[in-house]
């Protein structure tokens, strides 16, 4: 099955994926947010398939604003659900690829920790719930 994404669809996918990593970095109490963001972003850059092409494209259209995790979550969690919905409509396999890619990025973001902080575990659960809400 072929997947056709508009520019807005691609922006939604990027916002959702990179926003999920940003949410984990914001929730990383006592950790170095840049390490969390770097590890998660490297995982996203390693994605394959149509999703990999979308996430690898250089685009300045990702705008995540806010001074708190709550403000960031208000943008990212709905984007995750929207991304899954639009992918499920076009190609369920790519929806699965996107979900898997975001979950791998979350795992990669936490690899430097012996035991993730409860706030990161909670945020990961919210991200997973948003992915599964579609």
Protein backbone atom coordinates (compact mmCIF):
# COMPACT_ATOMS: atom_id res chain seq x y z
CA UNK A 1 0.00 0.00 0.00
CA UNK A 2 1.24 3.48 -0.87
CA UNK A 3 1.29 6.26 1.66
CA UNK A 4 0.53 9.86 0.67
CA UNK A 5 1.28 12.53 3.22
CA UNK A 6 0.66 16.24 2.92
CA UNK A 7 3.15 18.78 4.22
CA UNK A 8 0.93 19.24 7.27
CA UNK A 9 0.82 15.45 7.84
CA UNK A 10 4.61 15.33 7.79
CA UNK A 11 4.80 18.22 10.24
CA UNK A 12 2.38 16.39 12.54
CA UNK A 13 4.51 13.23 12.40
CA UNK A 14 7.72 15.14 13.15
CA UNK A 15 6.08 17.15 15.93
CA UNK A 16 4.72 13.97 17.49
CA UNK A 17 7.96 11.98 17.32
CA UNK A 18 10.44 14.69 18.28
CA UNK A 19 7.93 16.11 20.76
CA UNK A 20 7.77 12.75 22.54
CA UNK A 21 11.53 12.89 23.02
CA UNK A 22 11.24 16.50 24.23
CA UNK A 23 8.60 15.47 26.77
CA UNK A 24 10.91 12.80 28.15
CA UNK A 25 13.73 15.33 28.39
CA UNK A 26 11.39 17.70 30.26
CA UNK A 27 10.43 14.90 32.65
CA UNK A 28 14.02 13.82 33.27
CA UNK A 29 14.38 15.04 36.83
CA UNK A 30 18.02 15.08 37.86
CA UNK A 31 19.16 13.95 34.43
CA UNK A 32 20.83 15.88 31.70
CA UNK A 33 18.03 16.82 29.29
CA UNK A 34 20.46 17.17 26.40
CA UNK A 35 21.57 13.53 26.81
CA UNK A 36 17.96 12.33 26.84
CA UNK A 37 17.14 14.44 23.77
CA UNK A 38 20.27 13.34 21.91
CA UNK A 39 19.73 9.63 22.50
CA UNK A 40 16.07 9.85 21.54
CA UNK A 41 16.78 11.92 18.43
CA UNK A 42 19.44 9.48 17.24
CA UNK A 43 16.89 6.69 17.51
CA UNK A 44 14.37 8.70 15.48
CA UNK A 45 17.01 9.40 12.83
CA UNK A 46 17.53 5.63 12.55
CA UNK A 47 13.92 4.96 11.53
CA UNK A 48 13.20 3.16 8.26
CA UNK A 49 10.34 3.01 5.79
CA UNK A 50 8.18 5.99 4.90
CA UNK A 51 8.35 7.17 8.51
CA UNK A 52 12.14 7.14 8.40
CA UNK A 53 12.11 9.38 5.33
CA UNK A 54 9.70 11.83 6.97
CA UNK A 55 11.67 12.00 10.23
CA UNK A 56 15.01 12.34 8.44
CA UNK A 57 13.89 15.25 6.27
CA UNK A 58 15.34 18.56 7.31
CA UNK A 59 12.47 20.83 8.16
CA UNK A 60 12.22 23.89 10.34
CA UNK A 61 8.46 23.45 10.68
CA UNK A 62 8.52 21.76 14.09
CA UNK A 63 7.46 24.36 16.60
CA UNK A 64 7.21 23.21 20.18
CA UNK A 65 6.58 26.01 22.62
CA UNK A 66 5.91 26.19 26.30
CA UNK A 67 7.66 26.75 29.56
CA UNK A 68 6.43 23.61 31.26
CA UNK A 69 5.98 19.94 30.55
CA UNK A 70 2.22 20.52 30.71
CA UNK A 71 2.33 23.11 27.93
CA UNK A 72 4.53 20.85 25.83
CA UNK A 73 2.25 17.86 26.46
CA UNK A 74 -0.75 19.92 25.29
CA UNK A 75 0.89 20.02 21.85
CA UNK A 76 2.63 16.65 21.66
CA UNK A 77 0.10 14.17 23.01
CA UNK A 78 -2.65 15.19 20.56
CA UNK A 79 -0.07 15.15 17.74
CA UNK A 80 0.84 11.55 18.64
CA UNK A 81 -2.80 10.48 18.47
CA UNK A 82 -3.36 12.41 15.22
CA UNK A 83 -0.25 10.87 13.66
CA UNK A 84 -1.42 7.37 14.50
CA UNK A 85 -4.92 8.07 13.16
CA UNK A 86 -3.72 9.39 9.81
CA UNK A 87 -1.24 6.54 9.39
CA UNK A 88 -3.80 3.86 10.32
CA UNK A 89 -6.12 5.24 7.62
CA UNK A 90 -3.46 5.03 4.92
CA UNK A 91 -1.21 2.14 5.88
CA UNK A 92 -1.57 0.20 9.14
CA UNK A 93 1.95 -1.20 8.74
CA UNK A 94 3.40 2.33 8.71
CA UNK A 95 1.29 3.16 11.75
CA UNK A 96 2.96 0.22 13.48
CA UNK A 97 6.34 1.40 12.25
CA UNK A 98 5.71 4.89 13.66
CA UNK A 99 4.56 3.53 17.02
CA UNK A 100 7.57 1.23 17.23
CA UNK A 101 9.92 4.06 16.26
CA UNK A 102 8.60 6.33 19.02
CA UNK A 103 8.81 3.53 21.59
CA UNK A 104 12.40 2.75 20.59
CA UNK A 105 13.26 6.45 20.87
CA UNK A 106 11.79 6.51 24.38
CA UNK A 107 13.88 3.48 25.34
CA UNK A 108 16.98 5.03 23.81
CA UNK A 109 16.37 8.27 25.68
CA UNK A 110 16.49 6.35 28.95
CA UNK A 111 19.42 4.03 28.23
CA UNK A 112 21.92 6.03 30.25
CA UNK A 113 19.96 5.43 33.44
CA UNK A 114 20.17 2.45 35.75
CA UNK A 115 16.60 3.08 36.82
CA UNK A 116 14.43 5.75 35.18
CA UNK A 117 12.99 8.42 37.43
CA UNK A 118 9.28 7.93 38.18
CA UNK A 119 8.42 11.14 36.31
CA UNK A 120 9.99 9.75 33.14
CA UNK A 121 8.16 6.45 33.58
CA UNK A 122 4.89 8.34 34.01
CA UNK A 123 5.55 10.49 30.93
CA UNK A 124 6.42 7.40 28.88
CA UNK A 125 3.07 5.93 29.90
CA UNK A 126 1.26 9.08 28.75
CA UNK A 127 3.09 8.99 25.43
CA UNK A 128 2.19 5.32 24.92
CA UNK A 129 -1.45 6.04 25.81
CA UNK A 130 -1.55 8.85 23.23
CA UNK A 131 -0.12 6.50 20.59
CA UNK A 132 -2.75 3.89 21.42
CA UNK A 133 -5.69 6.33 21.59
CA UNK A 134 -6.13 6.40 17.81
